[in-house]
Amino acid sequence: MKDKTDLSQYSKLCQKCVRNCRQNKAVTVISCPRYMPAPVQMTIPLKFGRGRPKKPKPLIDL
């Protein structure tokens, strides 16, 4: 689970990493051998139809 620290004080590469070895914002980090990208939460938009659903018509048996 992601800790609730302020990530703006760390470099951009360290903000996207899961590990705790973070570098200060003043340090320019080009690449990191221990870099593990954090998982991205995907959201699926829910689409609902207009109004209420129609009642199904009853089947007529003859």
PDB file of N, CA and C in Angstrom:
ATOM      1  N   MET A   1       0.846  -1.175   0.000  1.00  0.00           N
ATOM      2  CA  MET A   1       0.000   0.000   0.000  1.00  0.00           C
ATOM      3  C   MET A   1       0.889   1.234   0.000  1.00  0.00           C
ATOM      4  N   LYS A   2       0.487   2.240  -0.693  1.00  0.00           N
ATOM      5  CA  LYS A   2       1.263   3.453  -0.828  1.00  0.00           C
ATOM      6  C   LYS A   2       1.221   4.253   0.478  1.00  0.00           C
ATOM      7  N   ASP A   3       2.397   4.668   0.946  1.00  0.00           N
ATOM      8  CA  ASP A   3       2.418   5.463   2.164  1.00  0.00           C
ATOM      9  C   ASP A   3       1.918   6.876   1.867  1.00  0.00           C
ATOM     10  N   LYS A   4       1.495   7.574   2.893  1.00  0.00           N
ATOM     11  CA  LYS A   4       0.828   8.860   2.710  1.00  0.00           C
ATOM     12  C   LYS A   4       1.773  10.042   2.882  1.00  0.00           C
ATOM     13  N   THR A   5       3.058   9.878   2.516  1.00  0.00           N
ATOM     14  CA  THR A   5       3.997  10.982   2.598  1.00  0.00           C
ATOM     15  C   THR A   5       3.832  11.884   1.384  1.00  0.00           C
ATOM     16  N   ASP A   6       4.312  13.105   1.509  1.00  0.00           N
ATOM     17  CA  ASP A   6       4.235  14.065   0.414  1.00  0.00           C
ATOM     18  C   ASP A   6       5.314  13.730  -0.613  1.00  0.00           C
ATOM     19  N   LEU A   7       4.922  13.272  -1.805  1.00  0.00           N
ATOM     20  CA  LEU A   7       5.870  12.846  -2.823  1.00  0.00           C
ATOM     21  C   LEU A   7       6.465  14.002  -3.601  1.00  0.00           C
ATOM     22  N   SER A   8       5.982  15.222  -3.426  1.00  0.00           N
ATOM     23  CA  SER A   8       6.489  16.347  -4.203  1.00  0.00           C
ATOM     24  C   SER A   8       7.910  16.749  -3.800  1.00  0.00           C
ATOM     25  N   GLN A   9       8.384  16.265  -2.670  1.00  0.00           N
ATOM     26  CA  GLN A   9       9.737  16.595  -2.230  1.00  0.00           C
ATOM     27  C   GLN A   9      10.786  15.669  -2.837  1.00  0.00           C
ATOM     28  N   TYR A  10      10.357  14.652  -3.602  1.00  0.00           N
ATOM     29  CA  TYR A  10      11.273  13.699  -4.217  1.00  0.00           C
ATOM     30  C   TYR A  10      11.367  13.926  -5.722  1.00  0.00           C
ATOM     31  N   SER A  11      12.408  13.356  -6.344  1.00  0.00           N
ATOM     32  CA  SER A  11      12.586  13.500  -7.787  1.00  0.00           C
ATOM     33  C   SER A  11      11.442  12.814  -8.529  1.00  0.00           C
ATOM     34  N   LYS A  12      11.246  13.174  -9.804  1.00  0.00           N
ATOM     35  CA  LYS A  12      10.112  12.663 -10.569  1.00  0.00           C
ATOM     36  C   LYS A  12      10.172  11.150 -10.746  1.00  0.00           C
ATOM     37  N   LEU A  13      11.373  10.611 -10.932  1.00  0.00           N
ATOM     38  CA  LEU A  13      11.514   9.169 -11.091  1.00  0.00           C
ATOM     39  C   LEU A  13      11.189   8.446  -9.789  1.00  0.00           C
ATOM     40  N   CYS A  14      11.591   9.010  -8.669  1.00  0.00           N
ATOM     41  CA  CYS A  14      11.331   8.397  -7.365  1.00  0.00           C
ATOM     42  C   CYS A  14       9.857   8.497  -6.966  1.00  0.00           C
ATOM     43  N   GLN A  15       9.144   9.469  -7.497  1.00  0.00           N
ATOM     44  CA  GLN A  15       7.724   9.593  -7.200  1.00  0.00           C
ATOM     45  C   GLN A  15       6.936   8.437  -7.794  1.00  0.00           C
ATOM     46  N   LYS A  16       7.423   7.873  -8.899  1.00  0.00           N
ATOM     47  CA  LYS A  16       6.725   6.792  -9.594  1.00  0.00           C
ATOM     48  C   LYS A  16       7.199   5.408  -9.159  1.00  0.00           C
ATOM     49  N   CYS A  17       8.115   5.339  -8.210  1.00  0.00           N
ATOM     50  CA  CYS A  17       8.721   4.075  -7.797  1.00  0.00           C
ATOM     51  C   CYS A  17       8.063   3.540  -6.521  1.00  0.00           C
ATOM     52  N   VAL A  18       8.106   2.214  -6.363  1.00  0.00           N
ATOM     53  CA  VAL A  18       7.516   1.565  -5.197  1.00  0.00           C
ATOM     54  C   VAL A  18       8.482   1.552  -4.016  1.00  0.00           C
ATOM     55  N   ARG A  19       9.764   1.484  -4.286  1.00  0.00           N
ATOM     56  CA  ARG A  19      10.779   1.346  -3.240  1.00  0.00           C
ATOM     57  C   ARG A  19      10.885   2.590  -2.371  1.00  0.00           C
ATOM     58  N   ASN A  20      11.538   2.439  -1.224  1.00  0.00           N
ATOM     59  CA  ASN A  20      11.671   3.543  -0.263  1.00  0.00           C
ATOM     60  C   ASN A  20      12.974   4.311  -0.393  1.00  0.00           C
ATOM     61  N   CYS A  21      13.863   3.928  -1.306  1.00  0.00           N
ATOM     62  CA  CYS A  21      15.149   4.627  -1.475  1.00  0.00           C
ATOM     63  C   CYS A  21      14.931   5.851  -2.361  1.00  0.00           C
ATOM     64  N   ARG A  22      14.445   6.916  -1.825  1.00  0.00           N
ATOM     65  CA  ARG A  22      14.069   8.094  -2.609  1.00  0.00           C
ATOM     66  C   ARG A  22      15.149   9.165  -2.536  1.00  0.00           C
ATOM     67  N   GLN A  23      15.322   9.856  -3.655  1.00  0.00           N
ATOM     68  CA  GLN A  23      16.290  10.944  -3.740  1.00  0.00           C
ATOM     69  C   GLN A  23      15.561  12.277  -3.648  1.00  0.00           C
ATOM     70  N   ASN A  24      16.251  13.264  -3.163  1.00  0.00           N
ATOM     71  CA  ASN A  24      15.681  14.592  -3.001  1.00  0.00           C
ATOM     72  C   ASN A  24      15.359  15.203  -4.361  1.00  0.00           C
ATOM     73  N   LYS A  25      14.465  16.182  -4.383  1.00  0.00           N
ATOM     74  CA  LYS A  25      14.044  16.842  -5.609  1.00  0.00           C
ATOM     75  C   LYS A  25      15.199  17.572  -6.295  1.00  0.00           C
ATOM     76  N   ALA A  26      16.185  18.029  -5.524  1.00  0.00           N
ATOM     77  CA  ALA A  26      17.316  18.771  -6.082  1.00  0.00           C
ATOM     78  C   ALA A  26      18.258  17.879  -6.887  1.00  0.00           C
ATOM     79  N   VAL A  27      18.220  16.566  -6.646  1.00  0.00           N
ATOM     80  CA  VAL A  27      19.076  15.619  -7.351  1.00  0.00           C
ATOM     81  C   VAL A  27      18.397  15.225  -8.661  1.00  0.00           C
ATOM     82  N   THR A  28      19.145  15.289  -9.769  1.00  0.00           N
ATOM     83  CA  THR A  28      18.600  14.884 -11.060  1.00  0.00           C
ATOM     84  C   THR A  28      18.896  13.402 -11.265  1.00  0.00           C
ATOM     85  N   VAL A  29      17.856  12.578 -11.238  1.00  0.00           N
ATOM     86  CA  VAL A  29      17.998  11.137 -11.413  1.00  0.00           C
ATOM     87  C   VAL A  29      17.569  10.797 -12.838  1.00  0.00           C
ATOM     88  N   ILE A  30      18.511  10.264 -13.631  1.00  0.00           N
ATOM     89  CA  ILE A  30      18.214   9.910 -15.019  1.00  0.00           C
ATOM     90  C   ILE A  30      17.704   8.484 -15.104  1.00  0.00           C
ATOM     91  N   SER A  31      18.378   7.570 -14.425  1.00  0.00           N
ATOM     92  CA  SER A  31      17.928   6.185 -14.386  1.00  0.00           C
ATOM     93  C   SER A  31      18.292   5.591 -13.036  1.00  0.00           C
ATOM     94  N   CYS A  32      17.582   4.531 -12.665  1.00  0.00           N
ATOM     95  CA  CYS A  32      17.818   3.886 -11.388  1.00  0.00           C
ATOM     96  C   CYS A  32      17.813   2.374 -11.607  1.00  0.00           C
ATOM     97  N   PRO A  33      18.864   1.667 -11.157  1.00  0.00           N
ATOM     98  CA  PRO A  33      18.882   0.215 -11.352  1.00  0.00           C
ATOM     99  C   PRO A  33      17.878  -0.512 -10.471  1.00  0.00           C
ATOM    100  N   ARG A  34      17.409   0.130  -9.426  1.00  0.00           N
ATOM    101  CA  ARG A  34      16.445  -0.499  -8.509  1.00  0.00           C
ATOM    102  C   ARG A  34      15.016  -0.039  -8.766  1.00  0.00           C
ATOM    103  N   TYR A  35      14.774   0.634  -9.890  1.00  0.00           N
ATOM    104  CA  TYR A  35      13.454   1.205 -10.188  1.00  0.00           C
ATOM    105  C   TYR A  35      12.412   0.111 -10.382  1.00  0.00           C
ATOM    106  N   MET A  36      11.330   0.205  -9.653  1.00  0.00           N
ATOM    107  CA  MET A  36      10.172  -0.683  -9.817  1.00  0.00           C
ATOM    108  C   MET A  36       8.950   0.220  -9.931  1.00  0.00           C
ATOM    109  N   PRO A  37       8.318   0.274 -11.111  1.00  0.00           N
ATOM    110  CA  PRO A  37       7.187   1.189 -11.272  1.00  0.00           C
ATOM    111  C   PRO A  37       6.003   0.795 -10.403  1.00  0.00           C
ATOM    112  N   ALA A  38       5.346   1.797  -9.885  1.00  0.00           N
ATOM    113  CA  ALA A  38       4.163   1.570  -9.069  1.00  0.00           C
ATOM    114  C   ALA A  38       3.010   1.142  -9.970  1.00  0.00           C
ATOM    115  N   PRO A  39       2.134   0.249  -9.499  1.00  0.00           N
ATOM    116  CA  PRO A  39       0.997  -0.157 -10.321  1.00  0.00           C
ATOM    117  C   PRO A  39       0.030   0.999 -10.524  1.00  0.00           C
ATOM    118  N   VAL A  40      -0.600   1.029 -11.675  1.00  0.00           N
ATOM    119  CA  VAL A  40      -1.523   2.104 -12.026  1.00  0.00           C
ATOM    120  C   VAL A  40      -2.943   1.596 -11.853  1.00  0.00           C
ATOM    121  N   GLN A  41      -3.760   2.361 -11.162  1.00  0.00           N
ATOM    122  CA  GLN A  41      -5.155   1.992 -10.970  1.00  0.00           C
ATOM    123  C   GLN A  41      -5.953   2.358 -12.216  1.00  0.00           C
ATOM    124  N   MET A  42      -6.525   1.359 -12.838  1.00  0.00           N
ATOM    125  CA  MET A  42      -7.330   1.590 -14.034  1.00  0.00           C
ATOM    126  C   MET A  42      -8.784   1.769 -13.621  1.00  0.00           C
ATOM    127  N   THR A  43      -9.453   2.736 -14.204  1.00  0.00           N
ATOM    128  CA  THR A  43     -10.862   2.949 -13.910  1.00  0.00           C
ATOM    129  C   THR A  43     -11.675   2.673 -15.159  1.00  0.00           C
ATOM    130  N   ILE A  44     -12.823   2.079 -14.964  1.00  0.00           N
ATOM    131  CA  ILE A  44     -13.726   1.768 -16.060  1.00  0.00           C
ATOM    132  C   ILE A  44     -14.963   2.643 -15.889  1.00  0.00           C
ATOM    133  N   PRO A  45     -15.250   3.508 -16.866  1.00  0.00           N
ATOM    134  CA  PRO A  45     -16.432   4.357 -16.727  1.00  0.00           C
ATOM    135  C   PRO A  45     -17.709   3.530 -16.845  1.00  0.00           C
ATOM    136  N   LEU A  46     -18.655   3.803 -15.980  1.00  0.00           N
ATOM    137  CA  LEU A  46     -19.941   3.107 -16.009  1.00  0.00           C
ATOM    138  C   LEU A  46     -20.909   3.893 -16.875  1.00  0.00           C
ATOM    139  N   LYS A  47     -21.564   3.209 -17.788  1.00  0.00           N
ATOM    140  CA  LYS A  47     -22.526   3.865 -18.663  1.00  0.00           C
ATOM    141  C   LYS A  47     -23.903   3.296 -18.378  1.00  0.00           C
ATOM    142  N   PHE A  48     -24.820   4.180 -18.094  1.00  0.00           N
ATOM    143  CA  PHE A  48     -26.190   3.789 -17.813  1.00  0.00           C
ATOM    144  C   PHE A  48     -27.098   4.336 -18.908  1.00  0.00           C
ATOM    145  N   GLY A  49     -28.139   3.587 -19.214  1.00  0.00           N
ATOM    146  CA  GLY A  49     -29.100   4.024 -20.210  1.00  0.00           C
ATOM    147  C   GLY A  49     -29.969   5.139 -19.674  1.00  0.00           C
ATOM    148  N   ARG A  50     -30.747   5.726 -20.556  1.00  0.00           N
ATOM    149  CA  ARG A  50     -31.631   6.816 -20.125  1.00  0.00           C
ATOM    150  C   ARG A  50     -32.845   6.264 -19.410  1.00  0.00           C
ATOM    151  N   GLY A  51     -33.205   6.894 -18.332  1.00  0.00           N
ATOM    152  CA  GLY A  51     -34.444   6.582 -17.629  1.00  0.00           C
ATOM    153  C   GLY A  51     -34.497   5.180 -17.055  1.00  0.00           C
ATOM    154  N   ARG A  52     -35.716   4.726 -16.851  1.00  0.00           N
ATOM    155  CA  ARG A  52     -35.948   3.422 -16.257  1.00  0.00           C
ATOM    156  C   ARG A  52     -35.989   2.354 -17.345  1.00  0.00           C
ATOM    157  N   PRO A  53     -35.605   1.137 -17.019  1.00  0.00           N
ATOM    158  CA  PRO A  53     -35.696   0.071 -18.007  1.00  0.00           C
ATOM    159  C   PRO A  53     -37.157  -0.289 -18.279  1.00  0.00           C
ATOM    160  N   LYS A  54     -37.447  -0.708 -19.508  1.00  0.00           N
ATOM    161  CA  LYS A  54     -38.812  -1.081 -19.870  1.00  0.00           C
ATOM    162  C   LYS A  54     -39.138  -2.448 -19.314  1.00  0.00           C
ATOM    163  N   LYS A  55     -40.424  -2.635 -18.955  1.00  0.00           N
ATOM    164  CA  LYS A  55     -40.871  -3.935 -18.456  1.00  0.00           C
ATOM    165  C   LYS A  55     -40.967  -4.898 -19.633  1.00  0.00           C
ATOM    166  N   PRO A  56     -40.548  -6.136 -19.433  1.00  0.00           N
ATOM    167  CA  PRO A  56     -40.675  -7.087 -20.544  1.00  0.00           C
ATOM    168  C   PRO A  56     -42.135  -7.426 -20.805  1.00  0.00           C
ATOM    169  N   LYS A  57     -42.487  -7.579 -22.068  1.00  0.00           N
ATOM    170  CA  LYS A  57     -43.858  -7.933 -22.427  1.00  0.00           C
ATOM    171  C   LYS A  57     -44.097  -9.388 -22.072  1.00  0.00           C
ATOM    172  N   PRO A  58     -45.271  -9.697 -21.511  1.00  0.00           N
ATOM    173  CA  PRO A  58     -45.550 -11.093 -21.163  1.00  0.00           C
ATOM    174  C   PRO A  58     -45.749 -11.924 -22.439  1.00  0.00           C
ATOM    175  N   LEU A  59     -45.305 -13.176 -22.362  1.00  0.00           N
ATOM    176  CA  LEU A  59     -45.489 -14.093 -23.495  1.00  0.00           C
ATOM    177  C   LEU A  59     -46.911 -14.626 -23.473  1.00  0.00           C
ATOM    178  N   ILE A  60     -47.540 -14.661 -24.606  1.00  0.00           N
ATOM    179  CA  ILE A  60     -48.914 -15.147 -24.698  1.00  0.00           C
ATOM    180  C   ILE A  60     -48.885 -16.590 -25.240  1.00  0.00           C
ATOM    181  N   ASP A  61     -49.356 -17.532 -24.424  1.00  0.00           N
ATOM    182  CA  ASP A  61     -49.434 -18.923 -24.857  1.00  0.00           C
ATOM    183  C   ASP A  61     -50.826 -19.201 -25.397  1.00  0.00           C
ATOM    184  N   LEU A  62     -50.901 -19.793 -26.571  1.00  0.00           N
ATOM    185  CA  LEU A  62     -52.215 -20.116 -27.152  1.00  0.00           C
ATOM    186  C   LEU A  62     -52.525 -21.568 -27.031  1.00  0.00           C
TER     187      LEU A  62
END
